[in-house]
N, C-alpha and C. Protein backbone atom coordinates (compact mmCIF):
# COMPACT_ATOMS: atom_id res chain seq x y z
N MET A 1 -18.96 14.89 20.15
CA MET A 1 -18.22 14.36 18.20
C MET A 1 -16.81 14.28 18.27
N PRO A 2 -16.30 12.94 17.81
CA PRO A 2 -14.83 12.28 17.91
C PRO A 2 -13.90 13.19 16.64
N GLY A 3 -12.74 13.51 17.13
CA GLY A 3 -12.13 14.87 16.56
C GLY A 3 -11.64 13.82 15.18
N LYS A 4 -10.77 14.39 14.53
CA LYS A 4 -10.18 14.00 13.44
C LYS A 4 -9.50 12.41 13.77
N ARG A 5 -9.24 11.70 14.72
CA ARG A 5 -8.35 10.29 14.78
C ARG A 5 -9.41 9.59 16.19
N GLY A 6 -10.91 10.06 15.49
CA GLY A 6 -11.47 9.45 16.30
C GLY A 6 -11.48 9.29 18.07
N LYS A 7 -10.77 10.06 18.33
CA LYS A 7 -11.08 10.22 20.19
C LYS A 7 -11.61 11.66 20.20
N PRO A 8 -12.79 11.18 21.19
CA PRO A 8 -13.36 12.39 21.41
C PRO A 8 -12.82 13.97 21.68
N GLU A 9 -13.56 15.52 21.86
CA GLU A 9 -12.80 16.36 21.72
C GLU A 9 -12.79 16.55 23.40
N PRO A 10 -12.07 17.55 23.58
CA PRO A 10 -11.58 17.61 24.69
C PRO A 10 -12.73 18.48 26.01
N GLU A 11 -13.88 18.93 25.49
CA GLU A 11 -14.83 18.93 26.36
C GLU A 11 -15.81 17.77 26.55
N GLU A 12 -15.87 17.03 25.52
CA GLU A 12 -16.35 15.50 25.90
C GLU A 12 -16.02 14.87 26.52
N ARG A 13 -14.46 14.88 27.06
CA ARG A 13 -13.61 13.87 27.85
C ARG A 13 -14.24 15.12 29.06
N LYS A 14 -14.00 15.90 29.08
CA LYS A 14 -14.30 16.60 30.68
C LYS A 14 -15.62 16.04 31.19
N GLU A 15 -16.68 15.97 30.21
CA GLU A 15 -17.90 15.77 30.15
C GLU A 15 -18.28 14.07 30.74
N GLU A 16 -17.62 13.37 30.02
CA GLU A 16 -17.78 11.87 30.23
C GLU A 16 -16.72 11.90 31.70
N ALA A 17 -15.61 12.76 32.05
CA ALA A 17 -15.29 12.37 33.42
C ALA A 17 -15.83 12.71 34.21
N LEU A 18 -16.91 13.87 34.17
CA LEU A 18 -17.65 14.39 35.35
C LEU A 18 -19.23 13.91 35.27
N ARG A 19 -19.47 13.18 34.38
CA ARG A 19 -20.85 12.71 34.43
C ARG A 19 -21.11 10.94 35.54
N PRO A 20 -22.04 10.94 35.74
CA PRO A 20 -23.04 12.09 36.26
C PRO A 20 -22.88 13.22 37.14
N SER A 21 -23.17 14.52 36.61
CA SER A 21 -22.72 15.05 38.03
C SER A 21 -24.14 16.24 37.84
N CYS A 22 -24.90 16.46 39.67
CA CYS A 22 -25.46 17.47 39.83
C CYS A 22 -25.13 19.31 38.89
N PHE A 23 -23.88 19.57 38.85
CA PHE A 23 -23.75 20.51 38.03
C PHE A 23 -23.96 20.64 36.17
N LEU A 24 -23.51 19.84 36.09
CA LEU A 24 -23.79 19.82 34.56
C LEU A 24 -25.21 19.65 34.35
N GLY A 25 -25.43 20.31 32.27
CA GLY A 25 -26.75 20.00 31.85
C GLY A 25 -27.60 20.94 32.26
N TYR A 26 -27.23 22.00 32.65
CA TYR A 26 -28.43 23.21 33.17
C TYR A 26 -28.15 23.88 31.56
N HIS A 27 -26.85 24.35 30.94
CA HIS A 27 -26.99 24.52 29.52
C HIS A 27 -27.83 23.99 28.17
N ARG A 28 -27.57 23.19 28.64
CA ARG A 28 -28.34 22.45 27.16
C ARG A 28 -29.71 22.51 27.55
N ASP A 29 -30.53 22.19 28.47
CA ASP A 29 -31.82 22.85 29.13
C ASP A 29 -32.18 23.84 29.02
N LYS A 30 -31.33 24.99 29.24
CA LYS A 30 -31.85 26.38 29.05
C LYS A 30 -32.05 26.50 27.66
N LEU A 31 -31.39 25.60 26.83
CA LEU A 31 -30.95 26.04 25.33
C LEU A 31 -32.59 25.60 24.77
N ALA A 32 -32.83 24.18 25.28
CA ALA A 32 -33.60 23.28 24.22
C ALA A 32 -35.14 23.86 25.25
N VAL A 33 -35.52 25.04 26.35
CA VAL A 33 -35.97 25.60 26.69
C VAL A 33 -36.50 26.88 25.73
N TYR A 34 -35.56 27.19 25.38
CA TYR A 34 -35.64 28.47 24.27
C TYR A 34 -36.47 27.80 22.94
N LEU A 35 -35.57 26.65 22.50
CA LEU A 35 -36.09 26.22 20.96
C LEU A 35 -37.44 25.46 21.10
N VAL A 36 -38.27 24.82 22.26
CA VAL A 36 -39.16 24.89 22.42
C VAL A 36 -40.11 26.17 21.77
N SER A 37 -39.99 26.79 22.68
CA SER A 37 -40.71 28.03 22.53
C SER A 37 -41.02 28.56 21.08
N ARG A 38 -39.59 28.32 20.24
CA ARG A 38 -39.57 28.78 19.20
C ARG A 38 -40.38 27.44 18.07
N LYS A 39 -41.07 25.99 18.68
CA LYS A 39 -41.51 24.93 17.84
C LYS A 39 -40.08 24.37 17.65
N ALA A 40 -39.08 24.26 17.64
CA ALA A 40 -37.91 23.61 17.21
C ALA A 40 -38.16 22.13 17.92
N TYR A 41 -39.28 21.33 18.21
CA TYR A 41 -39.62 20.48 19.17
C TYR A 41 -38.48 18.97 18.80
N ARG A 42 -38.01 18.68 17.89
CA ARG A 42 -36.63 17.77 17.50
C ARG A 42 -35.73 17.76 17.70
N ILE A 43 -35.15 19.58 17.39
CA ILE A 43 -33.99 19.97 18.15
C ILE A 43 -33.77 20.11 19.74
N ALA A 44 -35.18 20.27 20.26
CA ALA A 44 -35.17 20.63 21.66
C ALA A 44 -35.01 19.52 22.23
N GLU A 45 -35.58 18.37 21.70
CA GLU A 45 -35.49 17.16 22.20
C GLU A 45 -34.04 16.46 22.21
N THR A 46 -32.86 16.62 21.72
CA THR A 46 -31.72 16.17 21.66
C THR A 46 -30.87 16.76 22.34
N GLN A 47 -31.14 18.09 22.57
CA GLN A 47 -30.74 18.82 24.49
C GLN A 47 -31.51 18.45 25.37
N PHE A 48 -32.60 18.11 25.19
CA PHE A 48 -32.88 17.80 26.90
C PHE A 48 -32.12 16.09 26.94
N ARG A 49 -32.40 15.40 25.75
CA ARG A 49 -31.85 14.40 26.62
C ARG A 49 -30.65 14.16 26.62
N ARG A 50 -29.40 14.83 26.52
CA ARG A 50 -28.05 15.31 26.29
C ARG A 50 -27.97 16.35 27.83
N ALA A 51 -29.08 17.00 28.49
CA ALA A 51 -29.53 17.31 29.63
C ALA A 51 -29.52 16.32 30.33
N ILE A 52 -30.00 15.50 30.30
CA ILE A 52 -30.43 14.37 31.24
C ILE A 52 -29.33 12.82 31.39
N TRP A 53 -28.88 13.06 30.01
CA TRP A 53 -27.94 12.20 30.27
C TRP A 53 -26.70 12.71 31.21
N LEU A 54 -26.01 13.86 31.10
CA LEU A 54 -25.05 14.53 31.66
C LEU A 54 -25.91 14.38 33.50
N ASN A 55 -26.97 14.53 33.64
CA ASN A 55 -27.69 15.20 34.84
C ASN A 55 -28.96 14.13 35.19
N PRO A 56 -29.04 13.12 35.93
CA PRO A 56 -29.81 11.86 35.65
C PRO A 56 -30.71 12.53 36.84
N TYR A 57 -30.11 13.56 37.87
CA TYR A 57 -30.50 13.98 38.99
C TYR A 57 -31.54 14.35 39.27
N GLU A 58 -31.27 15.94 37.86
CA GLU A 58 -32.54 16.84 37.62
C GLU A 58 -33.64 16.85 37.37
N PRO A 59 -34.87 16.17 38.16
CA PRO A 59 -35.92 16.21 37.77
C PRO A 59 -36.82 16.88 36.52
N ALA A 60 -36.45 18.45 36.83
CA ALA A 60 -36.55 19.61 35.42
C ALA A 60 -36.37 19.05 34.69
N PHE A 61 -35.20 18.20 34.41
CA PHE A 61 -35.26 18.15 32.77
C PHE A 61 -35.91 16.94 32.01
N LYS A 62 -36.15 15.92 32.90
CA LYS A 62 -37.24 15.86 32.36
C LYS A 62 -38.19 16.04 32.52
N GLN A 63 -38.85 16.83 33.03
CA GLN A 63 -40.48 17.55 33.00
C GLN A 63 -40.71 18.26 31.54
N HIS A 64 -39.09 18.78 31.47
CA HIS A 64 -39.37 19.68 29.83
C HIS A 64 -39.28 19.02 29.23
N LEU A 65 -38.17 17.71 28.79
CA LEU A 65 -38.77 16.74 28.13
C LEU A 65 -40.13 16.07 28.05
N ALA A 66 -40.39 15.85 28.90
CA ALA A 66 -41.81 15.42 28.85
C ALA A 66 -42.99 16.30 28.48
N VAL A 67 -42.60 17.95 28.51
CA VAL A 67 -43.60 18.78 28.07
C VAL A 67 -43.20 18.81 26.61
N CYS A 68 -42.32 19.21 26.22
CA CYS A 68 -41.41 18.91 24.64
C CYS A 68 -42.21 17.89 23.49
N LEU A 69 -42.32 16.25 24.46
CA LEU A 69 -42.81 15.37 23.60
C LEU A 69 -44.18 15.69 23.96
N TYR A 70 -44.73 16.02 24.50
CA TYR A 70 -46.49 16.24 24.42
C TYR A 70 -46.53 17.06 23.40
N LYS A 71 -45.76 18.55 23.54
CA LYS A 71 -46.17 19.66 22.36
C LYS A 71 -46.32 18.95 20.79
N ASP A 72 -45.09 17.87 21.48
CA ASP A 72 -44.73 17.55 19.52
C ASP A 72 -45.88 16.15 18.91
N GLY A 73 -46.82 16.09 20.45
CA GLY A 73 -47.93 14.83 19.53
C GLY A 73 -47.69 13.55 20.12
N ARG A 74 -46.33 13.55 21.29
CA ARG A 74 -45.77 11.96 21.19
C ARG A 74 -45.45 11.55 23.14
N TYR A 75 -47.38 11.36 22.95
CA TYR A 75 -48.01 11.21 24.39
C TYR A 75 -47.51 9.95 25.00
N ARG A 76 -47.53 8.72 24.38
CA ARG A 76 -47.06 8.23 25.32
C ARG A 76 -45.55 7.82 25.88
N GLU A 77 -44.63 8.45 24.90
CA GLU A 77 -43.09 8.64 25.41
C GLU A 77 -43.01 10.11 26.76
N ALA A 78 -44.04 10.56 26.10
CA ALA A 78 -44.05 11.97 27.08
C ALA A 78 -44.77 11.26 28.76
N ARG A 79 -45.37 10.20 28.67
CA ARG A 79 -45.77 9.77 30.09
C ARG A 79 -44.65 9.49 30.87
N LYS A 80 -44.31 8.56 29.65
CA LYS A 80 -42.51 7.79 30.41
C LYS A 80 -41.68 8.78 31.02
N TRP A 81 -41.74 10.27 30.28
CA TRP A 81 -40.57 10.71 30.86
C TRP A 81 -41.11 12.00 32.38
N ILE A 82 -42.15 11.98 32.47
CA ILE A 82 -43.19 12.95 33.45
C ILE A 82 -43.46 11.80 34.43
N THR A 83 -43.63 10.60 34.38
CA THR A 83 -43.14 9.60 34.95
C THR A 83 -42.10 9.44 36.07
N GLU A 84 -41.61 8.74 35.43
CA GLU A 84 -40.11 9.40 35.77
C GLU A 84 -39.46 10.76 36.64
N ALA A 85 -39.93 11.59 35.78
CA ALA A 85 -39.73 13.28 37.41
C ALA A 85 -40.63 13.01 38.68
N LEU A 86 -41.78 12.80 38.57
CA LEU A 86 -42.42 12.31 39.64
C LEU A 86 -41.93 11.03 40.72
N GLU A 87 -41.15 10.24 40.01
CA GLU A 87 -40.50 9.28 41.04
C GLU A 87 -39.25 10.42 41.58
N GLN A 88 -38.71 10.92 40.74
CA GLN A 88 -38.41 11.50 41.93
C GLN A 88 -38.58 13.13 42.84
N GLN A 89 -39.63 13.50 42.13
CA GLN A 89 -39.94 14.84 43.14
C GLN A 89 -41.36 14.37 42.89
N SER A 90 -42.21 13.66 43.93
CA SER A 90 -43.32 13.57 43.68
C SER A 90 -44.36 14.78 44.29
N ASP A 91 -43.62 15.39 45.11
CA ASP A 91 -44.60 16.71 45.57
C ASP A 91 -45.05 17.66 44.68
N ASN A 92 -44.44 17.56 43.37
CA ASN A 92 -44.22 18.67 42.50
C ASN A 92 -45.74 18.23 41.82
N PRO A 93 -46.69 19.98 42.28
CA PRO A 93 -48.12 19.49 41.33
C PRO A 93 -47.93 20.11 40.17
N GLU A 94 -46.75 20.19 39.51
CA GLU A 94 -46.32 20.56 38.04
C GLU A 94 -46.37 19.40 37.40
N ASN A 95 -46.12 18.28 37.99
CA ASN A 95 -45.86 17.05 37.14
C ASN A 95 -47.40 16.34 37.22
N ARG A 96 -47.37 16.48 38.23
CA ARG A 96 -49.09 16.49 38.18
C ARG A 96 -50.43 16.23 37.48
N LYS A 97 -50.01 17.80 37.19
CA LYS A 97 -51.13 18.51 36.35
C LYS A 97 -50.57 18.10 35.08
N ILE A 98 -49.37 18.16 34.46
CA ILE A 98 -48.38 17.47 32.95
C ILE A 98 -48.88 16.25 32.71
N LEU A 99 -48.95 15.19 34.11
CA LEU A 99 -49.36 13.85 33.66
C LEU A 99 -50.90 13.60 33.32
N LYS A 100 -51.85 14.57 33.81
CA LYS A 100 -53.27 14.32 34.00
C LYS A 100 -53.29 15.14 32.24
N LEU A 101 -52.50 15.79 31.67
CA LEU A 101 -52.70 16.29 30.72
C LEU A 101 -52.40 15.25 29.50
N ILE A 102 -51.43 14.66 29.71
CA ILE A 102 -50.96 13.77 29.17
C ILE A 102 -51.90 12.43 28.95
N GLU A 103 -52.30 12.44 29.94
CA GLU A 103 -53.15 10.92 30.15
C GLU A 103 -54.65 11.56 29.26
N GLN A 104 -54.55 12.63 29.34
CA GLN A 104 -56.79 12.97 28.34
C GLN A 104 -55.84 13.00 27.08
N GLU A 105 -54.99 13.39 26.95
CA GLU A 105 -54.88 12.73 25.36
C GLU A 105 -54.87 11.35 24.54
N ILE A 106 -53.90 10.33 25.70
CA ILE A 106 -53.24 9.07 25.48
C ILE A 106 -55.25 8.63 26.01
N LYS A 107 -56.59 8.81 26.20
CA LYS A 107 -57.77 8.36 26.17
C LYS A 107 -58.28 8.65 24.77
N ASP A 108 -58.27 9.77 24.56
CA ASP A 108 -58.74 10.32 23.29
C ASP A 108 -58.30 9.75 22.00
């Protein structure tokens, strides 16, 4: 969020300088997972998207976003994100299971 003079705050400047980085995003993901458990899907979605923006290398963030969108009833968008997670980590059986659940909802 920009400061009073339209300049980014120090934390945002630091994130921007490091982005993309395999070390960022985990705190956002952890918060978002908690928010999903509380059924605050729209707020959780923003945190997952921020985690992905900070660290596009972590397929778990994309998986978590897909689950969040699935629980929110946004199946087509969830399919897009779980497919991206599978592209990064094709040997993950959990991602295939999630994709199957999403595909079932889309067919119905």
